[in-house]
Amino acid sequence: MIEKFLDGNKRFLEEDFAKDPEHYAPLASSQHPEVLWIGCSDSRVNPERITGAKAGQLFVQRNIGNIVPIHDWNFATVLEYAVKHLKVGDIVICGHSDCGAIKALDHESKDAYVPLWLNNAMEAKNRVDARIPAPKNPEEEKNRLRLIEIENVALQLEHLRTYPPVMAAEKEGRVKLHGLYFDLATGELTKIF
């Protein structure tokens, strides 16, 4: 697989990098992304690919379930750097269909770390389950999971607003928050919040 990646890099160098030196040369010494993108680690949801963004436009934080954990130093560092130093104007939380993290909320796990991490999304499941009746067939279960995926984006936006750098930047109008949803089956990216 690594050889395929190195071959892919050769194509990138020839077909993209070498043909656009005016774009890539400044990126060698600084970055000025416009957006902090908080997305899922799912290999099917590549932020640059699904948005058509070029190198340098997105500052990306990816994790299982597109979660904004409360009291997490790694996440807080990314957030503070993006807002205070890179001065991004937009922060996106992007959820997606067929999310394994959301499915895992319904199952006991013997993993050491995954369940602790997913506790950051459990409230989304609880909110949806309180609003709708228990699913009676696979189609209703699929709809329930989609509702939880969407509710999780809303919940993570709430978590995002607990961080002081975001609170201040949003209040002063320096940053806007957005919730997006990517449908793997259709390839469509939709603004949901």
N, C-alpha and C. Protein backbone atom coordinates (compact mmCIF):
# COMPACT_ATOMS: atom_id res chain seq x y z
N MET A 1 0.82 -1.20 0.00
CA MET A 1 0.00 0.00 0.00
C MET A 1 0.86 1.26 0.00
N ILE A 2 1.96 1.23 0.76
CA ILE A 2 2.83 2.41 0.83
C ILE A 2 3.38 2.74 -0.56
N GLU A 3 3.71 1.72 -1.34
CA GLU A 3 4.21 1.97 -2.70
C GLU A 3 3.14 2.68 -3.54
N LYS A 4 1.88 2.30 -3.36
CA LYS A 4 0.79 2.98 -4.08
C LYS A 4 0.72 4.45 -3.68
N PHE A 5 0.90 4.73 -2.38
CA PHE A 5 0.88 6.11 -1.91
C PHE A 5 2.04 6.90 -2.50
N LEU A 6 3.22 6.29 -2.55
CA LEU A 6 4.38 6.99 -3.12
C LEU A 6 4.17 7.24 -4.61
N ASP A 7 3.57 6.28 -5.31
CA ASP A 7 3.24 6.50 -6.72
C ASP A 7 2.20 7.61 -6.87
N GLY A 8 1.22 7.61 -5.97
CA GLY A 8 0.22 8.67 -5.97
C GLY A 8 0.85 10.03 -5.74
N ASN A 9 1.87 10.07 -4.89
CA ASN A 9 2.56 11.33 -4.64
C ASN A 9 3.28 11.82 -5.90
N LYS A 10 3.84 10.89 -6.65
CA LYS A 10 4.50 11.28 -7.90
C LYS A 10 3.50 11.91 -8.86
N ARG A 11 2.29 11.34 -8.94
CA ARG A 11 1.25 11.92 -9.78
C ARG A 11 0.85 13.30 -9.26
N PHE A 12 0.73 13.43 -7.93
CA PHE A 12 0.42 14.73 -7.32
C PHE A 12 1.48 15.76 -7.70
N LEU A 13 2.74 15.38 -7.59
CA LEU A 13 3.83 16.30 -7.92
C LEU A 13 3.74 16.77 -9.37
N GLU A 14 3.47 15.83 -10.27
CA GLU A 14 3.44 16.14 -11.70
C GLU A 14 2.16 16.87 -12.11
N GLU A 15 1.03 16.40 -11.62
CA GLU A 15 -0.26 16.88 -12.11
C GLU A 15 -0.82 18.07 -11.32
N ASP A 16 -0.34 18.30 -10.12
CA ASP A 16 -0.91 19.35 -9.28
C ASP A 16 0.18 20.32 -8.79
N PHE A 17 1.10 19.80 -8.01
CA PHE A 17 2.11 20.63 -7.35
C PHE A 17 2.93 21.44 -8.35
N ALA A 18 3.47 20.76 -9.36
CA ALA A 18 4.32 21.44 -10.34
C ALA A 18 3.54 22.42 -11.22
N LYS A 19 2.26 22.18 -11.39
CA LYS A 19 1.45 23.04 -12.26
C LYS A 19 0.89 24.26 -11.54
N ASP A 20 1.02 24.32 -10.20
CA ASP A 20 0.45 25.43 -9.45
C ASP A 20 1.44 25.97 -8.41
N PRO A 21 2.63 26.37 -8.84
CA PRO A 21 3.63 26.85 -7.87
C PRO A 21 3.18 28.11 -7.12
N GLU A 22 2.34 28.91 -7.73
CA GLU A 22 1.87 30.13 -7.06
C GLU A 22 1.00 29.80 -5.85
N HIS A 23 0.35 28.66 -5.90
CA HIS A 23 -0.46 28.24 -4.74
C HIS A 23 0.41 27.55 -3.69
N TYR A 24 1.27 26.63 -4.11
CA TYR A 24 2.02 25.80 -3.17
C TYR A 24 3.25 26.49 -2.57
N ALA A 25 3.90 27.37 -3.29
CA ALA A 25 5.12 28.00 -2.77
C ALA A 25 4.89 28.72 -1.44
N PRO A 26 3.85 29.56 -1.31
CA PRO A 26 3.63 30.23 -0.02
C PRO A 26 3.30 29.26 1.12
N LEU A 27 2.70 28.11 0.78
CA LEU A 27 2.33 27.13 1.81
C LEU A 27 3.55 26.47 2.45
N ALA A 28 4.70 26.57 1.79
CA ALA A 28 5.91 25.97 2.33
C ALA A 28 6.39 26.70 3.58
N SER A 29 5.95 27.95 3.77
CA SER A 29 6.44 28.71 4.92
C SER A 29 5.34 29.23 5.85
N SER A 30 4.08 29.15 5.44
CA SER A 30 3.01 29.59 6.34
C SER A 30 1.67 29.04 5.87
N GLN A 31 0.71 29.10 6.78
CA GLN A 31 -0.64 28.67 6.45
C GLN A 31 -1.64 29.72 6.89
N HIS A 32 -2.71 29.83 6.14
CA HIS A 32 -3.79 30.76 6.46
C HIS A 32 -5.13 30.12 6.12
N PRO A 33 -5.44 29.01 6.80
CA PRO A 33 -6.71 28.34 6.50
C PRO A 33 -7.89 29.23 6.87
N GLU A 34 -8.97 29.06 6.14
CA GLU A 34 -10.18 29.84 6.38
C GLU A 34 -11.13 29.14 7.33
N VAL A 35 -10.99 27.81 7.44
CA VAL A 35 -11.95 26.99 8.17
C VAL A 35 -11.25 25.99 9.07
N LEU A 36 -11.76 25.85 10.30
CA LEU A 36 -11.41 24.72 11.15
C LEU A 36 -12.47 23.67 10.88
N TRP A 37 -12.07 22.51 10.40
CA TRP A 37 -12.98 21.42 10.04
C TRP A 37 -12.84 20.34 11.10
N ILE A 38 -13.93 20.06 11.82
CA ILE A 38 -13.95 18.99 12.81
C ILE A 38 -14.79 17.88 12.22
N GLY A 39 -14.14 16.79 11.88
CA GLY A 39 -14.83 15.70 11.21
C GLY A 39 -14.47 14.35 11.79
N CYS A 40 -15.10 13.35 11.25
CA CYS A 40 -14.89 11.98 11.69
C CYS A 40 -13.63 11.41 11.04
N SER A 41 -12.99 10.50 11.74
CA SER A 41 -11.81 9.82 11.20
C SER A 41 -12.15 8.81 10.11
N ASP A 42 -13.42 8.56 9.89
CA ASP A 42 -13.86 7.58 8.90
C ASP A 42 -13.13 7.81 7.57
N SER A 43 -12.53 6.75 7.06
CA SER A 43 -11.71 6.87 5.85
C SER A 43 -12.51 7.23 4.61
N ARG A 44 -13.82 7.13 4.68
CA ARG A 44 -14.67 7.44 3.53
C ARG A 44 -15.03 8.92 3.44
N VAL A 45 -14.67 9.69 4.47
CA VAL A 45 -15.08 11.11 4.53
C VAL A 45 -13.84 11.99 4.56
N ASN A 46 -13.24 12.19 3.41
CA ASN A 46 -12.05 13.01 3.27
C ASN A 46 -12.48 14.46 3.06
N PRO A 47 -12.22 15.36 4.04
CA PRO A 47 -12.74 16.73 3.96
C PRO A 47 -12.35 17.49 2.69
N GLU A 48 -11.09 17.42 2.32
CA GLU A 48 -10.65 18.14 1.13
C GLU A 48 -11.33 17.59 -0.13
N ARG A 49 -11.47 16.31 -0.17
CA ARG A 49 -12.06 15.66 -1.36
C ARG A 49 -13.54 16.00 -1.49
N ILE A 50 -14.29 15.91 -0.40
CA ILE A 50 -15.75 16.11 -0.50
C ILE A 50 -16.14 17.58 -0.63
N THR A 51 -15.20 18.48 -0.34
CA THR A 51 -15.49 19.92 -0.46
C THR A 51 -14.81 20.57 -1.65
N GLY A 52 -13.86 19.88 -2.24
CA GLY A 52 -13.09 20.49 -3.32
C GLY A 52 -12.09 21.51 -2.81
N ALA A 53 -11.77 21.46 -1.50
CA ALA A 53 -10.82 22.42 -0.93
C ALA A 53 -9.40 22.13 -1.40
N LYS A 54 -8.64 23.19 -1.54
CA LYS A 54 -7.23 23.06 -1.91
C LYS A 54 -6.39 23.03 -0.64
N ALA A 55 -5.17 22.57 -0.79
CA ALA A 55 -4.22 22.57 0.33
C ALA A 55 -4.16 23.98 0.93
N GLY A 56 -4.23 24.05 2.25
CA GLY A 56 -4.12 25.33 2.93
C GLY A 56 -5.44 25.98 3.28
N GLN A 57 -6.57 25.45 2.79
CA GLN A 57 -7.87 26.08 3.07
C GLN A 57 -8.52 25.55 4.35
N LEU A 58 -8.24 24.29 4.70
CA LEU A 58 -8.86 23.69 5.87
C LEU A 58 -7.81 23.34 6.92
N PHE A 59 -8.08 23.69 8.16
CA PHE A 59 -7.30 23.23 9.31
C PHE A 59 -8.16 22.11 9.90
N VAL A 60 -7.65 20.89 9.91
CA VAL A 60 -8.51 19.72 10.14
C VAL A 60 -8.20 19.04 11.47
N GLN A 61 -9.29 18.76 12.20
CA GLN A 61 -9.25 17.93 13.41
C GLN A 61 -10.22 16.79 13.18
N ARG A 62 -9.71 15.57 13.11
CA ARG A 62 -10.58 14.41 12.89
C ARG A 62 -10.46 13.45 14.05
N ASN A 63 -11.57 12.85 14.41
CA ASN A 63 -11.59 11.86 15.47
C ASN A 63 -12.82 10.96 15.30
N ILE A 64 -12.88 9.92 16.06
CA ILE A 64 -14.01 8.99 15.99
C ILE A 64 -15.29 9.73 16.37
N GLY A 65 -16.24 9.81 15.45
CA GLY A 65 -17.55 10.39 15.74
C GLY A 65 -17.65 11.90 15.63
N ASN A 66 -16.66 12.57 15.01
CA ASN A 66 -16.65 14.04 14.89
C ASN A 66 -17.06 14.72 16.20
N ILE A 67 -16.37 14.32 17.24
CA ILE A 67 -16.71 14.74 18.60
C ILE A 67 -15.90 15.96 19.03
N VAL A 68 -16.56 16.85 19.75
CA VAL A 68 -15.91 17.96 20.43
C VAL A 68 -15.93 17.61 21.91
N PRO A 69 -14.86 17.00 22.40
CA PRO A 69 -14.84 16.59 23.79
C PRO A 69 -14.72 17.80 24.71
N ILE A 70 -15.35 17.69 25.84
CA ILE A 70 -15.21 18.76 26.84
C ILE A 70 -14.02 18.40 27.72
N HIS A 71 -13.18 19.37 27.98
CA HIS A 71 -11.99 19.19 28.83
C HIS A 71 -10.98 18.24 28.21
N ASP A 72 -10.65 18.43 26.95
CA ASP A 72 -9.65 17.61 26.27
C ASP A 72 -8.54 18.54 25.80
N TRP A 73 -7.32 18.33 26.31
CA TRP A 73 -6.22 19.25 26.03
C TRP A 73 -5.83 19.23 24.56
N ASN A 74 -5.83 18.07 23.94
CA ASN A 74 -5.48 18.01 22.52
C ASN A 74 -6.46 18.82 21.69
N PHE A 75 -7.73 18.58 21.92
CA PHE A 75 -8.74 19.32 21.16
C PHE A 75 -8.68 20.81 21.46
N ALA A 76 -8.55 21.15 22.74
CA ALA A 76 -8.50 22.56 23.13
C ALA A 76 -7.33 23.29 22.47
N THR A 77 -6.21 22.60 22.32
CA THR A 77 -5.04 23.18 21.68
C THR A 77 -5.31 23.48 20.21
N VAL A 78 -5.91 22.51 19.52
CA VAL A 78 -6.26 22.71 18.10
C VAL A 78 -7.20 23.90 17.98
N LEU A 79 -8.21 23.94 18.81
CA LEU A 79 -9.22 24.99 18.77
C LEU A 79 -8.61 26.36 19.05
N GLU A 80 -7.83 26.45 20.11
CA GLU A 80 -7.21 27.73 20.46
C GLU A 80 -6.28 28.22 19.34
N TYR A 81 -5.49 27.31 18.80
CA TYR A 81 -4.57 27.69 17.73
C TYR A 81 -5.33 28.17 16.49
N ALA A 82 -6.39 27.44 16.13
CA ALA A 82 -7.17 27.81 14.95
C ALA A 82 -7.84 29.17 15.10
N VAL A 83 -8.42 29.42 16.27
CA VAL A 83 -9.18 30.65 16.49
C VAL A 83 -8.27 31.85 16.78
N LYS A 84 -7.30 31.66 17.68
CA LYS A 84 -6.49 32.80 18.11
C LYS A 84 -5.32 33.12 17.18
N HIS A 85 -4.70 32.08 16.62
CA HIS A 85 -3.49 32.32 15.84
C HIS A 85 -3.72 32.26 14.34
N LEU A 86 -4.48 31.28 13.90
CA LEU A 86 -4.76 31.18 12.46
C LEU A 86 -5.92 32.09 12.06
N LYS A 87 -6.72 32.46 13.05
CA LYS A 87 -7.85 33.37 12.84
C LYS A 87 -8.83 32.86 11.78
N VAL A 88 -9.20 31.57 11.91
CA VAL A 88 -10.20 31.02 11.00
C VAL A 88 -11.50 31.78 11.18
N GLY A 89 -12.25 31.93 10.12
CA GLY A 89 -13.52 32.65 10.17
C GLY A 89 -14.72 31.74 10.35
N ASP A 90 -14.50 30.44 10.11
CA ASP A 90 -15.59 29.47 10.22
C ASP A 90 -15.09 28.20 10.89
N ILE A 91 -15.97 27.60 11.68
CA ILE A 91 -15.70 26.28 12.27
C ILE A 91 -16.84 25.37 11.84
N VAL A 92 -16.46 24.23 11.28
CA VAL A 92 -17.43 23.25 10.80
C VAL A 92 -17.33 22.00 11.64
N ILE A 93 -18.49 21.47 12.01
CA ILE A 93 -18.56 20.10 12.52
C ILE A 93 -19.33 19.32 11.49
N CYS A 94 -18.68 18.28 10.97
CA CYS A 94 -19.29 17.49 9.90
C CYS A 94 -19.55 16.06 10.35
N GLY A 95 -20.82 15.71 10.41
CA GLY A 95 -21.21 14.33 10.66
C GLY A 95 -21.45 13.62 9.35
N HIS A 96 -21.73 12.33 9.40
CA HIS A 96 -21.94 11.59 8.16
C HIS A 96 -22.81 10.36 8.38
N SER A 97 -23.33 9.85 7.28
CA SER A 97 -24.17 8.66 7.32
C SER A 97 -23.32 7.42 7.62
N ASP A 98 -23.98 6.37 8.07
CA ASP A 98 -23.33 5.09 8.36
C ASP A 98 -22.14 5.24 9.31
N CYS A 99 -22.29 6.11 10.30
CA CYS A 99 -21.20 6.38 11.24
C CYS A 99 -21.07 5.24 12.26
N GLY A 100 -19.91 4.62 12.26
CA GLY A 100 -19.65 3.52 13.19
C GLY A 100 -19.71 3.95 14.64
N ALA A 101 -19.30 5.18 14.92
CA ALA A 101 -19.34 5.67 16.31
C ALA A 101 -20.78 5.74 16.80
N ILE A 102 -21.67 6.21 15.95
CA ILE A 102 -23.08 6.32 16.34
C ILE A 102 -23.68 4.92 16.53
N LYS A 103 -23.36 4.00 15.64
CA LYS A 103 -23.83 2.62 15.79
C LYS A 103 -23.34 2.02 17.10
N ALA A 104 -22.10 2.34 17.47
CA ALA A 104 -21.50 1.78 18.67
C ALA A 104 -22.16 2.26 19.95
N LEU A 105 -22.89 3.37 19.90
CA LEU A 105 -23.57 3.87 21.09
C LEU A 105 -24.59 2.87 21.62
N ASP A 106 -25.08 1.99 20.75
CA ASP A 106 -26.08 1.00 21.14
C ASP A 106 -25.48 -0.32 21.65
N HIS A 107 -24.17 -0.44 21.65
CA HIS A 107 -23.56 -1.73 21.96
C HIS A 107 -22.55 -1.63 23.09
N GLU A 108 -22.56 -2.64 23.95
CA GLU A 108 -21.55 -2.76 24.99
C GLU A 108 -20.21 -3.05 24.31
N SER A 109 -19.15 -2.57 24.88
CA SER A 109 -17.84 -2.80 24.30
C SER A 109 -16.86 -3.18 25.40
N LYS A 110 -15.95 -4.06 25.06
CA LYS A 110 -14.88 -4.43 26.00
C LYS A 110 -13.62 -3.61 25.74
N ASP A 111 -13.71 -2.69 24.77
CA ASP A 111 -12.57 -1.82 24.50
C ASP A 111 -12.29 -0.94 25.70
N ALA A 112 -11.04 -0.56 25.85
CA ALA A 112 -10.66 0.29 26.98
C ALA A 112 -10.97 1.76 26.74
N TYR A 113 -10.81 2.23 25.50
CA TYR A 113 -10.88 3.67 25.25
C TYR A 113 -12.12 4.11 24.48
N VAL A 114 -12.56 3.31 23.54
CA VAL A 114 -13.68 3.72 22.68
C VAL A 114 -14.93 4.09 23.49
N PRO A 115 -15.37 3.27 24.45
CA PRO A 115 -16.58 3.66 25.19
C PRO A 115 -16.43 4.98 25.95
N LEU A 116 -15.27 5.22 26.50
CA LEU A 116 -15.05 6.49 27.22
C LEU A 116 -15.18 7.67 26.26
N TRP A 117 -14.60 7.52 25.07
CA TRP A 117 -14.68 8.58 24.06
C TRP A 117 -16.12 8.80 23.63
N LEU A 118 -16.85 7.71 23.39
CA LEU A 118 -18.21 7.82 22.88
C LEU A 118 -19.18 8.39 23.90
N ASN A 119 -18.80 8.42 25.17
CA ASN A 119 -19.66 9.08 26.17
C ASN A 119 -19.91 10.54 25.78
N ASN A 120 -19.00 11.12 25.00
CA ASN A 120 -19.16 12.50 24.52
C ASN A 120 -20.30 12.65 23.52
N ALA A 121 -20.84 11.53 23.02
CA ALA A 121 -21.94 11.56 22.05
C ALA A 121 -23.21 10.92 22.59
N MET A 122 -23.15 10.31 23.75
CA MET A 122 -24.29 9.56 24.29
C MET A 122 -25.55 10.41 24.43
N GLU A 123 -25.40 11.68 24.76
CA GLU A 123 -26.56 12.56 24.93
C GLU A 123 -27.35 12.69 23.63
N ALA A 124 -26.67 12.64 22.49
CA ALA A 124 -27.37 12.71 21.20
C ALA A 124 -28.31 11.51 21.05
N LYS A 125 -27.82 10.34 21.38
CA LYS A 125 -28.65 9.12 21.33
C LYS A 125 -29.83 9.25 22.29
N ASN A 126 -29.57 9.70 23.50
CA ASN A 126 -30.64 9.83 24.49
C ASN A 126 -31.71 10.82 24.04
N ARG A 127 -31.31 11.92 23.44
CA ARG A 127 -32.28 12.91 22.97
C ARG A 127 -33.18 12.35 21.87
N VAL A 128 -32.58 11.66 20.91
CA VAL A 128 -33.38 11.08 19.81
C VAL A 128 -34.30 9.99 20.35
N ASP A 129 -33.78 9.13 21.19
CA ASP A 129 -34.61 8.04 21.73
C ASP A 129 -35.77 8.56 22.57
N ALA A 130 -35.60 9.73 23.17
CA ALA A 130 -36.69 10.33 23.95
C ALA A 130 -37.77 10.93 23.04
N ARG A 131 -37.41 11.26 21.79
CA ARG A 131 -38.35 11.91 20.87
C ARG A 131 -39.12 10.94 19.98
N ILE A 132 -38.55 9.79 19.69
CA ILE A 132 -39.19 8.89 18.73
C ILE A 132 -39.47 7.54 19.37
N PRO A 133 -40.47 6.81 18.84
CA PRO A 133 -40.71 5.46 19.36
C PRO A 133 -39.58 4.52 18.95
N ALA A 134 -39.46 3.43 19.68
CA ALA A 134 -38.43 2.43 19.35
C ALA A 134 -38.68 1.91 17.93
N PRO A 135 -37.61 1.76 17.15
CA PRO A 135 -37.78 1.29 15.77
C PRO A 135 -38.32 -0.14 15.74
N LYS A 136 -39.17 -0.39 14.74
CA LYS A 136 -39.80 -1.71 14.61
C LYS A 136 -39.30 -2.49 13.41
N ASN A 137 -38.51 -1.85 12.56
CA ASN A 137 -38.01 -2.54 11.37
C ASN A 137 -36.68 -1.90 10.95
N PRO A 138 -35.98 -2.53 10.01
CA PRO A 138 -34.67 -1.99 9.60
C PRO A 138 -34.72 -0.56 9.05
N GLU A 139 -35.79 -0.21 8.36
CA GLU A 139 -35.90 1.14 7.81
C GLU A 139 -36.03 2.18 8.93
N GLU A 140 -36.84 1.86 9.94
CA GLU A 140 -36.98 2.77 11.08
C GLU A 140 -35.67 2.87 11.86
N GLU A 141 -34.93 1.76 11.97
CA GLU A 141 -33.64 1.79 12.66
C GLU A 141 -32.63 2.64 11.89
N LYS A 142 -32.65 2.53 10.58
CA LYS A 142 -31.76 3.34 9.74
C LYS A 142 -32.08 4.83 9.92
N ASN A 143 -33.37 5.17 9.96
CA ASN A 143 -33.80 6.55 10.19
C ASN A 143 -33.36 7.03 11.57
N ARG A 144 -33.51 6.17 12.58
CA ARG A 144 -33.09 6.53 13.94
C ARG A 144 -31.60 6.85 13.98
N LEU A 145 -30.79 6.01 13.35
CA LEU A 145 -29.35 6.25 13.35
C LEU A 145 -29.01 7.57 12.66
N ARG A 146 -29.70 7.86 11.57
CA ARG A 146 -29.47 9.13 10.87
C ARG A 146 -29.85 10.32 11.77
N LEU A 147 -30.96 10.19 12.49
CA LEU A 147 -31.37 11.25 13.42
C LEU A 147 -30.32 11.45 14.52
N ILE A 148 -29.75 10.34 14.99
CA ILE A 148 -28.71 10.45 16.03
C ILE A 148 -27.45 11.09 15.45
N GLU A 149 -27.09 10.72 14.22
CA GLU A 149 -25.92 11.34 13.58
C GLU A 149 -26.10 12.85 13.48
N ILE A 150 -27.29 13.27 13.11
CA ILE A 150 -27.58 14.71 12.99
C ILE A 150 -27.63 15.38 14.36
N GLU A 151 -28.27 14.73 15.32
CA GLU A 151 -28.32 15.27 16.68
C GLU A 151 -26.93 15.37 17.28
N ASN A 152 -26.05 14.43 16.93
CA ASN A 152 -24.68 14.48 17.42
C ASN A 152 -23.96 15.73 16.93
N VAL A 153 -24.22 16.14 15.70
CA VAL A 153 -23.62 17.39 15.20
C VAL A 153 -24.11 18.56 16.06
N ALA A 154 -25.41 18.59 16.36
CA ALA A 154 -25.95 19.66 17.20
C ALA A 154 -25.32 19.64 18.59
N LEU A 155 -25.18 18.45 19.16
CA LEU A 155 -24.58 18.32 20.49
C LEU A 155 -23.13 18.80 20.48
N GLN A 156 -22.39 18.44 19.45
CA GLN A 156 -20.99 18.84 19.40
C GLN A 156 -20.85 20.35 19.18
N LEU A 157 -21.80 20.96 18.48
CA LEU A 157 -21.81 22.43 18.39
C LEU A 157 -22.02 23.04 19.77
N GLU A 158 -22.89 22.43 20.57
CA GLU A 158 -23.09 22.90 21.95
C GLU A 158 -21.79 22.79 22.74
N HIS A 159 -21.11 21.65 22.61
CA HIS A 159 -19.83 21.46 23.30
C HIS A 159 -18.81 22.52 22.85
N LEU A 160 -18.79 22.78 21.56
CA LEU A 160 -17.86 23.76 20.99
C LEU A 160 -18.05 25.13 21.65
N ARG A 161 -19.30 25.48 21.88
CA ARG A 161 -19.61 26.79 22.46
C ARG A 161 -19.26 26.90 23.94
N THR A 162 -18.77 25.83 24.56
CA THR A 162 -18.33 25.90 25.96
C THR A 162 -16.87 26.32 26.07
N TYR A 163 -16.16 26.31 24.96
CA TYR A 163 -14.74 26.68 24.98
C TYR A 163 -14.61 28.20 24.91
N PRO A 164 -13.90 28.82 25.86
CA PRO A 164 -13.77 30.28 25.89
C PRO A 164 -13.30 30.93 24.59
N PRO A 165 -12.31 30.38 23.87
CA PRO A 165 -11.92 31.05 22.62
C PRO A 165 -13.07 31.14 21.60
N VAL A 166 -13.90 30.11 21.57
CA VAL A 166 -15.03 30.10 20.64
C VAL A 166 -16.11 31.05 21.13
N MET A 167 -16.39 31.02 22.43
CA MET A 167 -17.41 31.92 22.99
C MET A 167 -17.08 33.37 22.65
N ALA A 168 -15.82 33.75 22.87
CA ALA A 168 -15.41 35.14 22.63
C ALA A 168 -15.46 35.46 21.14
N ALA A 169 -14.91 34.58 20.31
CA ALA A 169 -14.86 34.85 18.87
C ALA A 169 -16.25 34.91 18.25
N GLU A 170 -17.15 34.03 18.70
CA GLU A 170 -18.51 34.05 18.16
C GLU A 170 -19.25 35.31 18.62
N LYS A 171 -19.08 35.68 19.88
CA LYS A 171 -19.73 36.87 20.41
C LYS A 171 -19.27 38.13 19.68
N GLU A 172 -17.98 38.19 19.34
CA GLU A 172 -17.42 39.35 18.64
C GLU A 172 -17.62 39.28 17.13
N GLY A 173 -18.23 38.21 16.64
CA GLY A 173 -18.49 38.08 15.22
C GLY A 173 -17.27 37.71 14.39
N ARG A 174 -16.24 37.19 15.03
CA ARG A 174 -15.02 36.81 14.32
C ARG A 174 -15.09 35.40 13.75
N VAL A 175 -16.03 34.60 14.23
CA VAL A 175 -16.14 33.22 13.78
C VAL A 175 -17.61 32.81 13.70
N LYS A 176 -17.91 31.99 12.71
CA LYS A 176 -19.26 31.43 12.56
C LYS A 176 -19.16 29.92 12.67
N LEU A 177 -20.14 29.31 13.33
CA LEU A 177 -20.16 27.86 13.50
C LEU A 177 -21.19 27.25 12.55
N HIS A 178 -20.84 26.09 12.01
CA HIS A 178 -21.70 25.42 11.04
C HIS A 178 -21.75 23.93 11.31
N GLY A 179 -22.92 23.33 11.12
CA GLY A 179 -23.08 21.89 11.19
C GLY A 179 -23.39 21.36 9.80
N LEU A 180 -22.56 20.45 9.33
CA LEU A 180 -22.75 19.85 8.01
C LEU A 180 -22.95 18.34 8.16
N TYR A 181 -23.54 17.75 7.12
CA TYR A 181 -23.79 16.31 7.12
C TYR A 181 -23.46 15.76 5.74
N PHE A 182 -22.64 14.71 5.70
CA PHE A 182 -22.24 14.09 4.44
C PHE A 182 -22.92 12.74 4.30
N ASP A 183 -23.63 12.55 3.19
CA ASP A 183 -24.31 11.30 2.91
C ASP A 183 -23.40 10.44 2.03
N LEU A 184 -22.93 9.34 2.58
CA LEU A 184 -22.01 8.47 1.85
C LEU A 184 -22.65 7.86 0.60
N ALA A 185 -23.94 7.58 0.66
CA ALA A 185 -24.61 6.93 -0.46
C ALA A 185 -24.79 7.86 -1.66
N THR A 186 -24.99 9.14 -1.40
CA THR A 186 -25.23 10.09 -2.50
C THR A 186 -24.05 11.00 -2.79
N GLY A 187 -23.12 11.11 -1.83
CA GLY A 187 -21.98 12.01 -1.98
C GLY A 187 -22.33 13.46 -1.69
N GLU A 188 -23.54 13.71 -1.20
CA GLU A 188 -23.99 15.08 -0.96
C GLU A 188 -23.62 15.58 0.43
N LEU A 189 -23.10 16.81 0.46
CA LEU A 189 -22.77 17.51 1.70
C LEU A 189 -23.84 18.58 1.90
N THR A 190 -24.49 18.56 3.07
CA THR A 190 -25.62 19.45 3.34
C THR A 190 -25.38 20.25 4.62
N LYS A 191 -25.76 21.51 4.61
CA LYS A 191 -25.73 22.32 5.84
C LYS A 191 -26.98 21.99 6.64
N ILE A 192 -26.80 21.53 7.88
CA ILE A 192 -27.94 21.17 8.73
C ILE A 192 -28.13 22.14 9.89
N PHE A 193 -27.07 22.87 10.27
CA PHE A 193 -27.16 23.88 11.33
C PHE A 193 -26.30 25.06 10.97
